[in-house]
Amino acid sequence: SGDVDYEYTPQSKKKRPCVPDVARDFAIPEGSVEAMEENPAANINYMVSHQLQEAVMAETADLYKTPVNCASLRVPMVNPTIWTLMSSVMRAQEIRFQRILKHISAGITAFGKQVEGSAMAKI
């Protein structure tokens, strides 16, 4: 089903998705892990449960623009030829998606700037 590569596992005699080793390191187990400090947890819970003002989000994202040496964080634009063929509903969805990606990119950039290179390797 789909484009997933499968490998045969003798233990189960079933086909299971093949997960690259690096992906296994970042796999999130079901359930929760130990609690984080209360202040960051409260901030995260608030931000996720309340819609933040777009102006504040844009200002914050502008503080953490994509560094020139982090090309993979750049939010891709739709090809102009394809854009002209898209319906207005699809264009609106794409604009929202790009806005979300811009905020995610800014968050990753902010995180990267706060963590030293040697500490980043441990994460």
Protein backbone atom coordinates (compact mmCIF):
# COMPACT_ATOMS: atom_id res chain seq x y z
CA SER A 1 0.00 0.00 0.00
CA GLY A 2 1.51 3.32 -1.08
CA ASP A 3 5.16 3.98 -1.76
CA VAL A 4 6.45 2.48 1.49
CA ASP A 5 9.29 0.00 1.18
CA TYR A 6 8.59 -3.21 3.06
CA GLU A 7 10.90 -5.76 4.54
CA TYR A 8 10.15 -9.34 5.52
CA THR A 9 10.45 -10.04 9.22
CA PRO A 10 10.75 -13.74 10.08
CA GLN A 11 9.44 -13.23 13.64
CA SER A 12 5.99 -12.19 12.50
CA LYS A 13 6.03 -13.59 8.98
CA LYS A 14 4.37 -10.34 7.93
CA LYS A 15 5.56 -7.47 5.83
CA ARG A 16 6.39 -4.42 7.93
CA PRO A 17 7.44 -0.92 6.90
CA CYS A 18 11.21 -0.52 6.64
CA VAL A 19 12.28 2.33 8.95
CA PRO A 20 15.72 3.87 8.36
CA ASP A 21 18.04 3.76 11.39
CA VAL A 22 18.06 7.54 11.75
CA ALA A 23 14.25 7.61 11.88
CA ARG A 24 14.26 5.05 14.69
CA ASP A 25 16.29 7.49 16.80
CA PHE A 26 13.51 10.06 16.50
CA ALA A 27 10.55 7.72 16.81
CA ILE A 28 8.19 8.82 19.53
CA PRO A 29 6.97 6.02 21.76
CA GLU A 30 3.31 5.90 22.61
CA GLY A 31 2.39 7.54 25.87
CA SER A 32 4.27 10.27 27.64
CA VAL A 33 7.71 10.77 29.09
CA GLU A 34 8.68 12.59 32.27
CA ALA A 35 7.25 16.06 32.81
CA MET A 36 9.05 19.21 31.71
CA GLU A 37 9.36 22.31 33.85
CA GLU A 38 6.01 23.95 34.65
CA ASN A 39 6.60 27.36 33.02
CA PRO A 40 7.55 26.04 29.54
CA ALA A 41 4.77 23.44 29.74
CA ALA A 42 2.19 26.11 30.60
CA ASN A 43 3.41 28.28 27.70
CA ILE A 44 3.23 25.41 25.23
CA ASN A 45 -0.24 24.35 26.41
CA TYR A 46 -1.49 27.93 26.13
CA MET A 47 -0.05 28.47 22.64
CA VAL A 48 -1.53 25.22 21.36
CA SER A 49 -4.97 25.83 22.84
CA HIS A 50 -5.35 29.54 21.95
CA GLN A 51 -5.16 31.19 18.56
CA LEU A 52 -2.30 33.66 18.64
CA GLN A 53 -2.58 37.04 16.93
CA GLU A 54 -1.26 36.87 13.39
CA ALA A 55 0.61 40.17 13.80
CA VAL A 56 2.49 38.83 16.83
CA MET A 57 3.29 35.59 15.02
CA ALA A 58 4.56 37.50 11.95
CA GLU A 59 6.72 39.83 14.07
CA THR A 60 8.21 36.88 15.93
CA ALA A 61 8.86 34.94 12.73
CA ASP A 62 10.61 37.99 11.28
CA LEU A 63 13.06 37.88 14.20
CA TYR A 64 14.14 34.37 13.14
CA LYS A 65 14.44 34.48 9.36
CA THR A 66 15.95 31.47 7.63
CA PRO A 67 19.76 31.62 7.67
CA VAL A 68 21.40 31.49 4.23
CA ASN A 69 23.13 28.22 5.10
CA CYS A 70 19.87 26.44 6.07
CA ALA A 71 18.25 26.04 2.67
CA SER A 72 16.06 23.15 3.84
CA LEU A 73 14.17 25.53 6.15
CA ARG A 74 13.07 27.80 3.30
CA VAL A 75 9.34 27.63 2.68
CA PRO A 76 8.82 26.66 -0.97
CA MET A 77 6.62 28.78 -3.19
CA VAL A 78 4.21 27.26 -5.68
CA ASN A 79 5.36 27.31 -9.28
CA PRO A 80 3.69 30.37 -10.92
CA THR A 81 2.33 28.27 -13.78
CA ILE A 82 0.71 25.84 -11.34
CA TRP A 83 -0.53 28.75 -9.18
CA THR A 84 -2.57 30.14 -12.10
CA LEU A 85 -4.25 26.76 -12.54
CA MET A 86 -5.22 26.37 -8.87
CA SER A 87 -8.72 27.15 -7.66
CA SER A 88 -9.19 29.98 -5.16
CA VAL A 89 -9.92 27.40 -2.44
CA MET A 90 -6.63 25.61 -3.15
CA ARG A 91 -4.75 28.93 -3.21
CA ALA A 92 -6.19 29.86 0.19
CA GLN A 93 -5.16 26.47 1.61
CA GLU A 94 -1.66 26.87 0.17
CA ILE A 95 -1.30 30.36 1.65
CA ARG A 96 -2.34 29.05 5.09
CA PHE A 97 0.03 26.11 4.77
CA GLN A 98 2.93 28.39 3.80
CA ARG A 99 2.18 30.63 6.79
CA ILE A 100 2.28 27.61 9.12
CA LEU A 101 5.53 26.41 7.57
CA LYS A 102 7.04 29.87 8.00
CA HIS A 103 6.24 29.77 11.72
CA ILE A 104 7.64 26.25 12.07
CA SER A 105 10.80 27.32 10.23
CA ALA A 106 11.18 30.35 12.53
CA GLY A 107 10.75 28.10 15.58
CA ILE A 108 13.40 25.68 14.37
CA THR A 109 15.73 28.61 13.61
CA ALA A 110 15.13 30.12 17.08
CA PHE A 111 15.81 26.75 18.68
CA GLY A 112 18.99 26.30 16.63
CA LYS A 113 20.28 29.73 17.60
CA GLN A 114 19.72 29.00 21.29
CA VAL A 115 21.50 25.64 21.32
CA GLU A 116 25.25 25.53 20.80
CA GLY A 117 26.57 23.19 18.13
CA SER A 118 28.07 20.71 20.60
CA ALA A 119 24.84 20.59 22.60
CA MET A 120 22.79 20.22 19.39
CA ALA A 121 24.63 16.97 18.62
CA LYS A 122 23.38 15.53 21.93
CA ILE A 123 19.71 16.27 21.16
